[in-house]
Amino acid sequence: MWIKIILTVGIAGIVMGIFLSLFQMVKVIPLIHEAESYEEKVDHHHEDESNPLLQSDLGRKVYTFAANILTATGFAFLMTGVFFLAKKMNWIRGLGVGLLAYLSFVLAPSLLIPPNLPGIDSGDVLIRQSWWFFTVLSTATGLGLLVFFYRKPLYIAIAVTLLIMPHLVGGSQIQILANHVPERIISDFLAASLVTNLIFWLCEGALTGYLYEKFILREKS
């Protein structure tokens, strides 16, 4: 069983990590490079203080591929754990799980903390990270209650409370302190990030669901 799980998670992680990296190189990464040019104009020591391994284009690409593969593998493992709770699983159900994950991990946090670019000072990192984690946990729990207990009014009320609570709690503490990047780049980066992540999560869910059905459910039966 564990070999099948590792195989499912490994294939999904590698395939989706490579896919995400290639997709980011089309639009997301060029916008990051453009934003860095504005950051360097106000911080002349930026280039010297950067990690030497990330100075070259090849080094940054290798880092991007490695980071995305590790991230995609972790999310595939998380999805596989969720799939264990379902009696049936296939690529279509996996697509739905991927959509719920996108709403929890990307869209809900982005409503208050949009993806950040170099050259933008968004304040205390600890506050942003804490709010992001709280939002993901609260949104995922709320959506889970709506999916599994949609016929019970009490659970629906709890779910709605969980969905809106992070935005009421964290809104006053998160603000942009400094911005050296044009609004055009910020809006383009936000759109590109949201679209890229939507495609990634849908494909990740569908692929992991397909592999789970093929390798794990068939073994159980």
N, C-alpha and C. Protein backbone atom coordinates (compact mmCIF):
# COMPACT_ATOMS: atom_id res chain seq x y z
N MET A 1 0.82 -1.21 0.00
CA MET A 1 0.00 0.00 0.00
C MET A 1 0.86 1.26 0.00
N TRP A 2 1.87 1.29 0.88
CA TRP A 2 2.70 2.49 0.97
C TRP A 2 3.50 2.74 -0.31
N ILE A 3 3.88 1.66 -0.99
CA ILE A 3 4.58 1.83 -2.26
C ILE A 3 3.66 2.50 -3.28
N LYS A 4 2.38 2.10 -3.29
CA LYS A 4 1.41 2.69 -4.20
C LYS A 4 1.18 4.17 -3.87
N ILE A 5 1.14 4.48 -2.57
CA ILE A 5 0.95 5.87 -2.15
C ILE A 5 2.14 6.72 -2.58
N ILE A 6 3.35 6.22 -2.35
CA ILE A 6 4.55 6.95 -2.75
C ILE A 6 4.59 7.14 -4.26
N LEU A 7 4.18 6.11 -4.99
CA LEU A 7 4.15 6.20 -6.45
C LEU A 7 3.15 7.25 -6.91
N THR A 8 1.97 7.26 -6.29
CA THR A 8 0.94 8.24 -6.64
C THR A 8 1.41 9.66 -6.36
N VAL A 9 1.92 9.86 -5.15
CA VAL A 9 2.38 11.19 -4.75
C VAL A 9 3.58 11.63 -5.57
N GLY A 10 4.52 10.71 -5.81
CA GLY A 10 5.73 11.05 -6.54
C GLY A 10 5.45 11.45 -7.98
N ILE A 11 4.64 10.67 -8.67
CA ILE A 11 4.32 10.99 -10.06
C ILE A 11 3.59 12.33 -10.16
N ALA A 12 2.57 12.50 -9.31
CA ALA A 12 1.81 13.75 -9.33
C ALA A 12 2.69 14.94 -9.00
N GLY A 13 3.57 14.79 -8.01
CA GLY A 13 4.44 15.90 -7.61
C GLY A 13 5.42 16.30 -8.68
N ILE A 14 6.06 15.33 -9.32
CA ILE A 14 7.05 15.64 -10.35
C ILE A 14 6.39 16.25 -11.58
N VAL A 15 5.30 15.60 -12.04
CA VAL A 15 4.62 16.09 -13.25
C VAL A 15 4.07 17.49 -13.03
N MET A 16 3.39 17.71 -11.92
CA MET A 16 2.78 19.01 -11.69
C MET A 16 3.80 20.08 -11.32
N GLY A 17 4.89 19.67 -10.66
CA GLY A 17 5.95 20.64 -10.37
C GLY A 17 6.60 21.16 -11.64
N ILE A 18 6.87 20.28 -12.59
CA ILE A 18 7.44 20.68 -13.87
C ILE A 18 6.43 21.53 -14.65
N PHE A 19 5.17 21.09 -14.65
CA PHE A 19 4.12 21.83 -15.36
C PHE A 19 3.99 23.24 -14.81
N LEU A 20 3.95 23.38 -13.50
CA LEU A 20 3.81 24.69 -12.87
C LEU A 20 4.99 25.59 -13.21
N SER A 21 6.19 25.04 -13.18
CA SER A 21 7.38 25.83 -13.47
C SER A 21 7.36 26.35 -14.91
N LEU A 22 7.01 25.48 -15.85
CA LEU A 22 6.95 25.90 -17.25
C LEU A 22 5.87 26.94 -17.46
N PHE A 23 4.75 26.76 -16.79
CA PHE A 23 3.65 27.71 -16.93
C PHE A 23 4.02 29.07 -16.34
N GLN A 24 4.73 29.06 -15.22
CA GLN A 24 5.14 30.32 -14.58
C GLN A 24 6.11 31.10 -15.46
N MET A 25 6.92 30.40 -16.21
CA MET A 25 7.92 31.07 -17.05
C MET A 25 7.30 31.84 -18.21
N VAL A 26 6.05 31.52 -18.52
CA VAL A 26 5.39 32.23 -19.62
C VAL A 26 5.05 33.66 -19.23
N LYS A 27 4.51 33.87 -18.03
CA LYS A 27 4.02 35.19 -17.64
C LYS A 27 4.45 35.63 -16.25
N VAL A 28 4.42 34.72 -15.27
CA VAL A 28 4.65 35.11 -13.87
C VAL A 28 6.08 35.56 -13.63
N ILE A 29 7.05 34.72 -14.00
CA ILE A 29 8.46 35.04 -13.73
C ILE A 29 8.93 36.28 -14.47
N PRO A 30 8.56 36.52 -15.74
CA PRO A 30 8.94 37.78 -16.39
C PRO A 30 8.45 39.01 -15.63
N LEU A 31 7.27 38.94 -15.04
CA LEU A 31 6.77 40.07 -14.26
C LEU A 31 7.58 40.27 -12.98
N ILE A 32 8.03 39.16 -12.39
CA ILE A 32 8.89 39.27 -11.21
C ILE A 32 10.21 39.95 -11.57
N HIS A 33 10.79 39.57 -12.69
CA HIS A 33 12.04 40.20 -13.15
C HIS A 33 11.83 41.69 -13.42
N GLU A 34 10.67 42.02 -13.98
CA GLU A 34 10.39 43.43 -14.26
C GLU A 34 10.24 44.22 -12.97
N ALA A 35 9.60 43.63 -11.98
CA ALA A 35 9.45 44.30 -10.68
C ALA A 35 10.80 44.46 -10.00
N GLU A 36 11.70 43.49 -10.17
CA GLU A 36 13.03 43.58 -9.56
C GLU A 36 13.82 44.75 -10.13
N SER A 37 13.59 45.08 -11.38
CA SER A 37 14.31 46.21 -11.98
C SER A 37 13.92 47.51 -11.30
N TYR A 38 12.66 47.64 -10.87
CA TYR A 38 12.24 48.82 -10.14
C TYR A 38 12.78 48.81 -8.71
N GLU A 39 12.86 47.62 -8.13
CA GLU A 39 13.42 47.51 -6.78
C GLU A 39 14.88 47.92 -6.76
N GLU A 40 15.62 47.54 -7.79
CA GLU A 40 17.06 47.86 -7.85
C GLU A 40 17.30 49.36 -8.01
N LYS A 41 16.33 50.07 -8.57
CA LYS A 41 16.49 51.51 -8.73
C LYS A 41 16.49 52.25 -7.41
N VAL A 42 15.76 51.70 -6.42
CA VAL A 42 15.70 52.35 -5.11
C VAL A 42 16.60 51.67 -4.10
N ASP A 43 17.10 50.46 -4.43
CA ASP A 43 18.00 49.73 -3.54
C ASP A 43 19.21 49.31 -4.36
N HIS A 44 20.24 50.14 -4.38
CA HIS A 44 21.41 49.89 -5.23
C HIS A 44 22.24 48.72 -4.73
N HIS A 45 22.00 48.27 -3.50
CA HIS A 45 22.76 47.14 -2.94
C HIS A 45 22.01 45.82 -3.09
N HIS A 46 20.87 45.90 -3.76
CA HIS A 46 20.05 44.69 -3.89
C HIS A 46 20.81 43.56 -4.58
N GLU A 47 21.52 43.90 -5.63
CA GLU A 47 22.22 42.88 -6.41
C GLU A 47 23.32 42.23 -5.60
N ASP A 48 24.02 43.03 -4.78
CA ASP A 48 25.14 42.50 -4.02
C ASP A 48 24.69 41.62 -2.86
N GLU A 49 23.50 41.91 -2.33
CA GLU A 49 23.04 41.19 -1.15
C GLU A 49 22.28 39.92 -1.50
N SER A 50 22.03 39.68 -2.77
CA SER A 50 21.27 38.50 -3.18
C SER A 50 22.12 37.25 -3.07
N ASN A 51 21.45 36.12 -3.01
CA ASN A 51 22.12 34.84 -2.97
C ASN A 51 22.86 34.62 -4.28
N PRO A 52 24.19 34.36 -4.24
CA PRO A 52 24.95 34.17 -5.49
C PRO A 52 24.42 33.05 -6.35
N LEU A 53 23.85 32.02 -5.71
CA LEU A 53 23.33 30.89 -6.47
C LEU A 53 22.13 31.29 -7.33
N LEU A 54 21.46 32.39 -6.94
CA LEU A 54 20.28 32.82 -7.67
C LEU A 54 20.56 33.97 -8.61
N GLN A 55 21.82 34.34 -8.74
CA GLN A 55 22.17 35.44 -9.63
C GLN A 55 22.01 35.06 -11.10
N SER A 56 22.40 33.85 -11.45
CA SER A 56 22.33 33.42 -12.83
C SER A 56 20.92 32.96 -13.18
N ASP A 57 20.58 33.08 -14.47
CA ASP A 57 19.26 32.66 -14.92
C ASP A 57 19.08 31.16 -14.74
N LEU A 58 20.15 30.39 -15.00
CA LEU A 58 20.07 28.94 -14.83
C LEU A 58 19.83 28.56 -13.37
N GLY A 59 20.53 29.24 -12.46
CA GLY A 59 20.36 28.95 -11.04
C GLY A 59 18.95 29.21 -10.57
N ARG A 60 18.36 30.29 -11.04
CA ARG A 60 16.99 30.62 -10.64
C ARG A 60 15.99 29.61 -11.21
N LYS A 61 16.24 29.15 -12.43
CA LYS A 61 15.34 28.16 -13.02
C LYS A 61 15.42 26.84 -12.28
N VAL A 62 16.63 26.42 -11.92
CA VAL A 62 16.79 25.18 -11.18
C VAL A 62 16.10 25.27 -9.82
N TYR A 63 16.27 26.39 -9.16
CA TYR A 63 15.63 26.61 -7.86
C TYR A 63 14.11 26.58 -8.02
N THR A 64 13.58 27.22 -9.07
CA THR A 64 12.14 27.26 -9.30
C THR A 64 11.58 25.86 -9.52
N PHE A 65 12.26 25.08 -10.37
CA PHE A 65 11.80 23.71 -10.64
C PHE A 65 11.83 22.87 -9.37
N ALA A 66 12.92 22.95 -8.61
CA ALA A 66 13.05 22.15 -7.40
C ALA A 66 11.99 22.53 -6.37
N ALA A 67 11.80 23.82 -6.18
CA ALA A 67 10.82 24.28 -5.19
C ALA A 67 9.41 23.88 -5.59
N ASN A 68 9.08 24.01 -6.86
CA ASN A 68 7.73 23.67 -7.32
C ASN A 68 7.47 22.17 -7.26
N ILE A 69 8.48 21.36 -7.55
CA ILE A 69 8.30 19.91 -7.45
C ILE A 69 8.07 19.49 -6.01
N LEU A 70 8.84 20.07 -5.09
CA LEU A 70 8.65 19.76 -3.67
C LEU A 70 7.28 20.21 -3.19
N THR A 71 6.86 21.40 -3.62
CA THR A 71 5.55 21.92 -3.22
C THR A 71 4.43 21.07 -3.78
N ALA A 72 4.51 20.73 -5.06
CA ALA A 72 3.48 19.91 -5.69
C ALA A 72 3.41 18.52 -5.06
N THR A 73 4.56 17.97 -4.68
CA THR A 73 4.59 16.67 -4.02
C THR A 73 3.92 16.74 -2.65
N GLY A 74 4.19 17.80 -1.92
CA GLY A 74 3.55 17.97 -0.61
C GLY A 74 2.04 18.09 -0.73
N PHE A 75 1.58 18.86 -1.71
CA PHE A 75 0.13 19.01 -1.89
C PHE A 75 -0.50 17.71 -2.38
N ALA A 76 0.22 16.95 -3.20
CA ALA A 76 -0.30 15.66 -3.66
C ALA A 76 -0.45 14.70 -2.48
N PHE A 77 0.50 14.74 -1.57
CA PHE A 77 0.42 13.91 -0.36
C PHE A 77 -0.78 14.33 0.49
N LEU A 78 -0.99 15.64 0.60
CA LEU A 78 -2.13 16.15 1.37
C LEU A 78 -3.45 15.72 0.73
N MET A 79 -3.52 15.82 -0.60
CA MET A 79 -4.73 15.40 -1.30
C MET A 79 -4.99 13.90 -1.14
N THR A 80 -3.92 13.12 -1.18
CA THR A 80 -4.08 11.67 -1.01
C THR A 80 -4.68 11.35 0.36
N GLY A 81 -4.27 12.11 1.37
CA GLY A 81 -4.87 11.94 2.69
C GLY A 81 -6.35 12.26 2.69
N VAL A 82 -6.73 13.31 1.95
CA VAL A 82 -8.14 13.67 1.84
C VAL A 82 -8.91 12.58 1.10
N PHE A 83 -8.28 12.01 0.07
CA PHE A 83 -8.95 10.98 -0.73
C PHE A 83 -9.27 9.73 0.11
N PHE A 84 -8.47 9.48 1.14
CA PHE A 84 -8.74 8.32 2.00
C PHE A 84 -10.09 8.44 2.69
N LEU A 85 -10.57 9.67 2.87
CA LEU A 85 -11.85 9.89 3.54
C LEU A 85 -13.03 9.64 2.60
N ALA A 86 -12.76 9.64 1.30
CA ALA A 86 -13.83 9.44 0.32
C ALA A 86 -13.97 7.96 -0.02
N LYS A 87 -15.22 7.51 -0.23
CA LYS A 87 -15.45 6.12 -0.59
C LYS A 87 -15.08 5.87 -2.04
N LYS A 88 -15.30 6.88 -2.89
CA LYS A 88 -14.98 6.76 -4.30
C LYS A 88 -14.08 7.93 -4.70
N MET A 89 -13.19 7.65 -5.64
CA MET A 89 -12.32 8.73 -6.10
C MET A 89 -11.93 8.46 -7.54
N ASN A 90 -11.99 9.51 -8.36
CA ASN A 90 -11.53 9.47 -9.74
C ASN A 90 -11.06 10.86 -10.13
N TRP A 91 -10.72 11.05 -11.37
CA TRP A 91 -10.15 12.34 -11.76
C TRP A 91 -11.18 13.47 -11.69
N ILE A 92 -12.47 13.14 -11.88
CA ILE A 92 -13.50 14.17 -11.80
C ILE A 92 -13.66 14.65 -10.36
N ARG A 93 -13.73 13.71 -9.43
CA ARG A 93 -13.80 14.09 -8.00
C ARG A 93 -12.52 14.81 -7.58
N GLY A 94 -11.40 14.35 -8.11
CA GLY A 94 -10.14 15.03 -7.83
C GLY A 94 -10.14 16.46 -8.32
N LEU A 95 -10.81 16.70 -9.44
CA LEU A 95 -10.95 18.05 -9.97
C LEU A 95 -11.68 18.94 -8.98
N GLY A 96 -12.74 18.38 -8.36
CA GLY A 96 -13.47 19.14 -7.35
C GLY A 96 -12.64 19.43 -6.12
N VAL A 97 -11.84 18.45 -5.69
CA VAL A 97 -10.96 18.66 -4.55
C VAL A 97 -9.92 19.73 -4.89
N GLY A 98 -9.42 19.71 -6.12
CA GLY A 98 -8.46 20.72 -6.54
C GLY A 98 -9.06 22.12 -6.52
N LEU A 99 -10.32 22.23 -6.92
CA LEU A 99 -10.99 23.53 -6.88
C LEU A 99 -11.14 24.03 -5.46
N LEU A 100 -11.54 23.14 -4.54
CA LEU A 100 -11.67 23.53 -3.13
C LEU A 100 -10.32 23.94 -2.56
N ALA A 101 -9.26 23.23 -2.96
CA ALA A 101 -7.93 23.59 -2.48
C ALA A 101 -7.51 24.95 -3.01
N TYR A 102 -7.85 25.24 -4.26
CA TYR A 102 -7.53 26.56 -4.83
C TYR A 102 -8.24 27.67 -4.07
N LEU A 103 -9.50 27.46 -3.76
CA LEU A 103 -10.25 28.46 -3.00
C LEU A 103 -9.64 28.67 -1.62
N SER A 104 -9.14 27.60 -1.01
CA SER A 104 -8.60 27.68 0.35
C SER A 104 -7.19 28.24 0.39
N PHE A 105 -6.31 27.74 -0.48
CA PHE A 105 -4.89 28.09 -0.43
C PHE A 105 -4.54 29.35 -1.22
N VAL A 106 -5.37 29.71 -2.20
CA VAL A 106 -4.99 30.82 -3.08
C VAL A 106 -6.00 31.96 -3.05
N LEU A 107 -7.23 31.69 -3.46
CA LEU A 107 -8.18 32.77 -3.67
C LEU A 107 -8.56 33.48 -2.38
N ALA A 108 -8.91 32.73 -1.34
CA ALA A 108 -9.32 33.36 -0.08
C ALA A 108 -8.22 34.22 0.53
N PRO A 109 -6.98 33.73 0.65
CA PRO A 109 -5.91 34.60 1.18
C PRO A 109 -5.63 35.80 0.29
N SER A 110 -5.78 35.64 -1.04
CA SER A 110 -5.46 36.72 -1.97
C SER A 110 -6.44 37.88 -1.89
N LEU A 111 -7.59 37.66 -1.29
CA LEU A 111 -8.56 38.74 -1.16
C LEU A 111 -8.03 39.87 -0.30
N LEU A 112 -7.16 39.54 0.65
CA LEU A 112 -6.59 40.55 1.53
C LEU A 112 -5.08 40.64 1.38
N ILE A 113 -4.43 39.52 1.10
CA ILE A 113 -2.98 39.50 0.90
C ILE A 113 -2.70 38.98 -0.50
N PRO A 114 -2.69 39.86 -1.51
CA PRO A 114 -2.40 39.39 -2.87
C PRO A 114 -0.96 38.93 -2.99
N PRO A 115 -0.66 38.10 -3.98
CA PRO A 115 0.73 37.66 -4.19
C PRO A 115 1.67 38.85 -4.24
N ASN A 116 2.79 38.74 -3.54
CA ASN A 116 3.70 39.87 -3.36
C ASN A 116 4.80 39.88 -4.42
N LEU A 117 5.23 41.08 -4.78
CA LEU A 117 6.30 41.28 -5.75
C LEU A 117 7.50 41.93 -5.09
N PRO A 118 8.71 41.74 -5.64
CA PRO A 118 9.86 42.51 -5.18
C PRO A 118 9.59 44.00 -5.35
N GLY A 119 10.06 44.80 -4.41
CA GLY A 119 9.84 46.24 -4.49
C GLY A 119 8.61 46.71 -3.75
N ILE A 120 7.90 45.77 -3.10
CA ILE A 120 6.71 46.12 -2.32
C ILE A 120 6.94 45.71 -0.87
N ASP A 121 6.84 46.68 0.03
CA ASP A 121 6.98 46.41 1.45
C ASP A 121 5.58 46.25 2.04
N SER A 122 5.25 45.02 2.41
CA SER A 122 3.91 44.72 2.91
C SER A 122 3.85 44.58 4.42
N GLY A 123 4.86 45.07 5.11
CA GLY A 123 4.81 45.07 6.56
C GLY A 123 5.36 43.80 7.19
N ASP A 124 4.91 43.54 8.41
CA ASP A 124 5.41 42.42 9.22
C ASP A 124 5.11 41.09 8.54
N VAL A 125 6.16 40.33 8.24
CA VAL A 125 6.00 39.04 7.56
C VAL A 125 5.28 38.04 8.46
N LEU A 126 5.56 38.08 9.76
CA LEU A 126 4.94 37.14 10.69
C LEU A 126 3.42 37.33 10.73
N ILE A 127 2.98 38.57 10.70
CA ILE A 127 1.54 38.83 10.69
C ILE A 127 0.90 38.30 9.43
N ARG A 128 1.55 38.53 8.30
CA ARG A 128 1.03 38.05 7.02
C ARG A 128 0.98 36.53 6.98
N GLN A 129 2.03 35.87 7.45
CA GLN A 129 2.07 34.41 7.44
C GLN A 129 1.03 33.82 8.38
N SER A 130 0.88 34.44 9.55
CA SER A 130 -0.10 33.95 10.52
C SER A 130 -1.51 34.09 9.97
N TRP A 131 -1.78 35.25 9.35
CA TRP A 131 -3.10 35.46 8.80
C TRP A 131 -3.35 34.50 7.63
N TRP A 132 -2.33 34.25 6.80
CA TRP A 132 -2.48 33.33 5.67
C TRP A 132 -2.83 31.93 6.18
N PHE A 133 -2.10 31.44 7.18
CA PHE A 133 -2.35 30.11 7.73
C PHE A 133 -3.74 30.03 8.33
N PHE A 134 -4.12 31.06 9.08
CA PHE A 134 -5.44 31.08 9.70
C PHE A 134 -6.54 31.08 8.63
N THR A 135 -6.34 31.83 7.55
CA THR A 135 -7.32 31.91 6.48
C THR A 135 -7.46 30.57 5.76
N VAL A 136 -6.33 29.93 5.47
CA VAL A 136 -6.36 28.63 4.79
C VAL A 136 -7.09 27.60 5.63
N LEU A 137 -6.74 27.53 6.91
CA LEU A 137 -7.36 26.55 7.80
C LEU A 137 -8.85 26.81 7.96
N SER A 138 -9.21 28.07 8.15
CA SER A 138 -10.61 28.43 8.35
C SER A 138 -11.43 28.19 7.08
N THR A 139 -10.87 28.58 5.93
CA THR A 139 -11.59 28.41 4.66
C THR A 139 -11.76 26.94 4.31
N ALA A 140 -10.69 26.15 4.48
CA ALA A 140 -10.77 24.73 4.17
C ALA A 140 -11.79 24.03 5.06
N THR A 141 -11.80 24.38 6.34
CA THR A 141 -12.77 23.77 7.27
C THR A 141 -14.19 24.17 6.89
N GLY A 142 -14.38 25.46 6.58
CA GLY A 142 -15.70 25.93 6.21
C GLY A 142 -16.22 25.27 4.94
N LEU A 143 -15.36 25.16 3.93
CA LEU A 143 -15.77 24.52 2.68
C LEU A 143 -16.05 23.04 2.90
N GLY A 144 -15.23 22.40 3.75
CA GLY A 144 -15.46 21.00 4.07
C GLY A 144 -16.81 20.76 4.73
N LEU A 145 -17.19 21.66 5.63
CA LEU A 145 -18.50 21.53 6.28
C LEU A 145 -19.63 21.71 5.27
N LEU A 146 -19.46 22.65 4.34
CA LEU A 146 -20.49 22.86 3.32
C LEU A 146 -20.64 21.65 2.41
N VAL A 147 -19.52 21.01 2.10
CA VAL A 147 -19.55 19.86 1.19
C VAL A 147 -20.17 18.64 1.86
N PHE A 148 -19.76 18.35 3.10
CA PHE A 148 -20.18 17.12 3.76
C PHE A 148 -21.46 17.25 4.59
N PHE A 149 -21.79 18.50 5.02
CA PHE A 149 -22.97 18.68 5.87
C PHE A 149 -23.87 19.79 5.32
N TYR A 150 -24.05 19.81 3.99
CA TYR A 150 -24.81 20.89 3.36
C TYR A 150 -26.30 20.84 3.68
N ARG A 151 -26.78 19.76 4.26
CA ARG A 151 -28.19 19.65 4.59
C ARG A 151 -28.50 20.03 6.03
N LYS A 152 -27.49 20.38 6.79
CA LYS A 152 -27.68 20.68 8.21
C LYS A 152 -27.45 22.18 8.46
N PRO A 153 -28.50 22.93 8.82
CA PRO A 153 -28.40 24.39 8.99
C PRO A 153 -27.31 24.82 9.98
N LEU A 154 -27.15 24.08 11.07
CA LEU A 154 -26.15 24.47 12.07
C LEU A 154 -24.75 24.45 11.47
N TYR A 155 -24.43 23.40 10.73
CA TYR A 155 -23.12 23.29 10.12
C TYR A 155 -22.93 24.35 9.03
N ILE A 156 -24.00 24.68 8.34
CA ILE A 156 -23.91 25.73 7.32
C ILE A 156 -23.59 27.06 7.97
N ALA A 157 -24.23 27.35 9.11
CA ALA A 157 -23.97 28.60 9.82
C ALA A 157 -22.52 28.66 10.32
N ILE A 158 -22.03 27.54 10.83
CA ILE A 158 -20.64 27.49 11.28
C ILE A 158 -19.69 27.68 10.10
N ALA A 159 -20.01 27.06 8.97
CA ALA A 159 -19.17 27.16 7.78
C ALA A 159 -19.08 28.60 7.28
N VAL A 160 -20.22 29.27 7.21
CA VAL A 160 -20.24 30.67 6.75
C VAL A 160 -19.43 31.55 7.70
N THR A 161 -19.55 31.30 9.00
CA THR A 161 -18.77 32.07 9.98
C THR A 161 -17.28 31.86 9.77
N LEU A 162 -16.87 30.62 9.54
CA LEU A 162 -15.46 30.33 9.32
C LEU A 162 -14.94 30.97 8.04
N LEU A 163 -15.78 31.05 7.02
CA LEU A 163 -15.36 31.62 5.74
C LEU A 163 -15.12 33.12 5.81
N ILE A 164 -15.92 33.83 6.59
CA ILE A 164 -15.79 35.29 6.64
C ILE A 164 -14.92 35.78 7.80
N MET A 165 -14.73 34.95 8.82
CA MET A 165 -14.02 35.39 10.03
C MET A 165 -12.60 35.88 9.77
N PRO A 166 -11.76 35.20 8.97
CA PRO A 166 -10.39 35.69 8.79
C PRO A 166 -10.33 37.09 8.19
N HIS A 167 -11.26 37.41 7.32
CA HIS A 167 -11.25 38.71 6.66
C HIS A 167 -11.69 39.83 7.60
N LEU A 168 -12.49 39.48 8.58
CA LEU A 168 -12.90 40.46 9.57
C LEU A 168 -11.82 40.68 10.62
N VAL A 169 -11.07 39.62 10.93
CA VAL A 169 -10.06 39.69 11.98
C VAL A 169 -8.77 40.34 11.50
N GLY A 170 -8.31 39.97 10.30
CA GLY A 170 -6.97 40.38 9.89
C GLY A 170 -6.88 41.61 9.03
N GLY A 171 -8.01 42.14 8.59
CA GLY A 171 -7.97 43.24 7.63
C GLY A 171 -7.28 44.50 8.10
N SER A 172 -7.45 44.87 9.37
CA SER A 172 -6.92 46.13 9.86
C SER A 172 -5.42 46.08 10.15
N GLN A 173 -4.83 44.87 10.17
CA GLN A 173 -3.42 44.74 10.54
C GLN A 173 -2.49 44.58 9.35
N ILE A 174 -3.05 44.44 8.14
CA ILE A 174 -2.25 44.18 6.95
C ILE A 174 -2.36 45.36 6.00
N GLN A 175 -1.24 45.97 5.66
CA GLN A 175 -1.25 47.12 4.78
C GLN A 175 0.08 47.23 4.05
N ILE A 176 0.04 47.92 2.92
CA ILE A 176 1.24 48.16 2.12
C ILE A 176 1.97 49.37 2.69
N LEU A 177 3.22 49.20 3.10
CA LEU A 177 4.00 50.29 3.68
C LEU A 177 4.74 51.08 2.61
N ALA A 178 5.21 50.41 1.57
CA ALA A 178 5.94 51.08 0.51
C ALA A 178 5.78 50.29 -0.79
N ASN A 179 5.68 51.04 -1.89
CA ASN A 179 5.50 50.40 -3.18
C ASN A 179 6.29 51.15 -4.25
N HIS A 180 7.23 50.47 -4.90
CA HIS A 180 8.03 51.06 -5.95
C HIS A 180 7.74 50.45 -7.31
N VAL A 181 6.65 49.67 -7.39
CA VAL A 181 6.31 48.96 -8.62
C VAL A 181 5.05 49.57 -9.22
N PRO A 182 5.02 49.80 -10.53
CA PRO A 182 3.82 50.37 -11.17
C PRO A 182 2.60 49.47 -10.99
N GLU A 183 1.44 50.10 -10.93
CA GLU A 183 0.20 49.36 -10.73
C GLU A 183 -0.07 48.37 -11.86
N ARG A 184 0.41 48.69 -13.06
CA ARG A 184 0.21 47.78 -14.19
C ARG A 184 0.85 46.43 -13.93
N ILE A 185 2.07 46.44 -13.40
CA ILE A 185 2.77 45.19 -13.13
C ILE A 185 2.09 44.44 -11.99
N ILE A 186 1.63 45.17 -10.98
CA ILE A 186 0.97 44.53 -9.84
C ILE A 186 -0.31 43.83 -10.29
N SER A 187 -1.13 44.51 -11.08
CA SER A 187 -2.39 43.92 -11.52
C SER A 187 -2.15 42.74 -12.47
N ASP A 188 -1.15 42.88 -13.36
CA ASP A 188 -0.83 41.78 -14.28
C ASP A 188 -0.31 40.57 -13.51
N PHE A 189 0.50 40.82 -12.48
CA PHE A 189 1.06 39.72 -11.68
C PHE A 189 -0.04 39.02 -10.89
N LEU A 190 -0.97 39.79 -10.34
CA LEU A 190 -2.07 39.20 -9.59
C LEU A 190 -2.91 38.30 -10.50
N ALA A 191 -3.25 38.81 -11.68
CA ALA A 191 -4.06 38.03 -12.61
C ALA A 191 -3.32 36.76 -13.06
N ALA A 192 -2.05 36.93 -13.39
CA ALA A 192 -1.26 35.78 -13.86
C ALA A 192 -1.12 34.73 -12.76
N SER A 193 -0.91 35.18 -11.52
CA SER A 193 -0.75 34.25 -10.40
C SER A 193 -2.05 33.49 -10.13
N LEU A 194 -3.17 34.19 -10.15
CA LEU A 194 -4.45 33.55 -9.87
C LEU A 194 -4.80 32.53 -10.96
N VAL A 195 -4.58 32.89 -12.21
CA VAL A 195 -4.90 31.98 -13.31
C VAL A 195 -3.96 30.78 -13.29
N THR A 196 -2.66 31.03 -13.09
CA THR A 196 -1.69 29.94 -13.05
C THR A 196 -2.00 28.96 -11.94
N ASN A 197 -2.31 29.49 -10.76
CA ASN A 197 -2.62 28.62 -9.63
C ASN A 197 -3.93 27.87 -9.82
N LEU A 198 -4.91 28.49 -10.48
CA LEU A 198 -6.16 27.80 -10.75
C LEU A 198 -5.92 26.58 -11.65
N ILE A 199 -5.17 26.78 -12.72
CA ILE A 199 -4.86 25.67 -13.63
C ILE A 199 -4.06 24.60 -12.90
N PHE A 200 -3.09 25.04 -12.09
CA PHE A 200 -2.27 24.09 -11.35
C PHE A 200 -3.11 23.22 -10.42
N TRP A 201 -3.97 23.85 -9.62
CA TRP A 201 -4.74 23.10 -8.62
C TRP A 201 -5.75 22.17 -9.27
N LEU A 202 -6.38 22.61 -10.36
CA LEU A 202 -7.32 21.74 -11.05
C LEU A 202 -6.61 20.51 -11.63
N CYS A 203 -5.47 20.76 -12.26
CA CYS A 203 -4.70 19.65 -12.84
C CYS A 203 -4.11 18.75 -11.75
N GLU A 204 -3.65 19.35 -10.67
CA GLU A 204 -3.10 18.57 -9.56
C GLU A 204 -4.17 17.65 -8.96
N GLY A 205 -5.36 18.21 -8.75
CA GLY A 205 -6.44 17.40 -8.20
C GLY A 205 -6.87 16.28 -9.14
N ALA A 206 -7.01 16.62 -10.44
CA ALA A 206 -7.44 15.62 -11.41
C ALA A 206 -6.39 14.51 -11.56
N LEU A 207 -5.12 14.88 -11.67
CA LEU A 207 -4.06 13.89 -11.84
C LEU A 207 -3.92 13.01 -10.61
N THR A 208 -3.92 13.61 -9.43
CA THR A 208 -3.79 12.83 -8.20
C THR A 208 -5.00 11.92 -8.02
N GLY A 209 -6.20 12.41 -8.34
CA GLY A 209 -7.39 11.57 -8.26
C GLY A 209 -7.33 10.39 -9.21
N TYR A 210 -6.83 10.63 -10.42
CA TYR A 210 -6.70 9.55 -11.40
C TYR A 210 -5.69 8.50 -10.93
N LEU A 211 -4.53 8.96 -10.45
CA LEU A 211 -3.51 8.03 -9.98
C LEU A 211 -3.97 7.28 -8.73
N TYR A 212 -4.70 7.97 -7.86
CA TYR A 212 -5.21 7.33 -6.65
C TYR A 212 -6.17 6.20 -7.02
N GLU A 213 -7.05 6.47 -7.96
CA GLU A 213 -7.99 5.43 -8.40
C GLU A 213 -7.26 4.26 -9.05
N LYS A 214 -6.26 4.57 -9.85
CA LYS A 214 -5.56 3.54 -10.60
C LYS A 214 -4.68 2.67 -9.72
N PHE A 215 -3.93 3.29 -8.81
CA PHE A 215 -2.94 2.54 -8.03
C PHE A 215 -3.45 2.05 -6.69
N ILE A 216 -4.32 2.82 -6.03
CA ILE A 216 -4.70 2.51 -4.65
C ILE A 216 -6.08 1.88 -4.56
N LEU A 217 -7.08 2.48 -5.19
CA LEU A 217 -8.43 1.92 -5.09
C LEU A 217 -8.51 0.55 -5.73
N ARG A 218 -7.82 0.33 -6.84
CA ARG A 218 -7.85 -0.97 -7.49
C ARG A 218 -7.21 -2.05 -6.62
N GLU A 219 -6.19 -1.62 -5.85
CA GLU A 219 -5.55 -2.58 -4.95
C GLU A 219 -6.48 -2.97 -3.82
N LYS A 220 -7.27 -1.99 -3.32
CA LYS A 220 -8.22 -2.27 -2.25
C LYS A 220 -9.30 -3.24 -2.72
N SER A 221 -9.73 -3.05 -3.97
CA SER A 221 -10.77 -3.92 -4.50
C SER A 221 -10.23 -5.28 -4.91
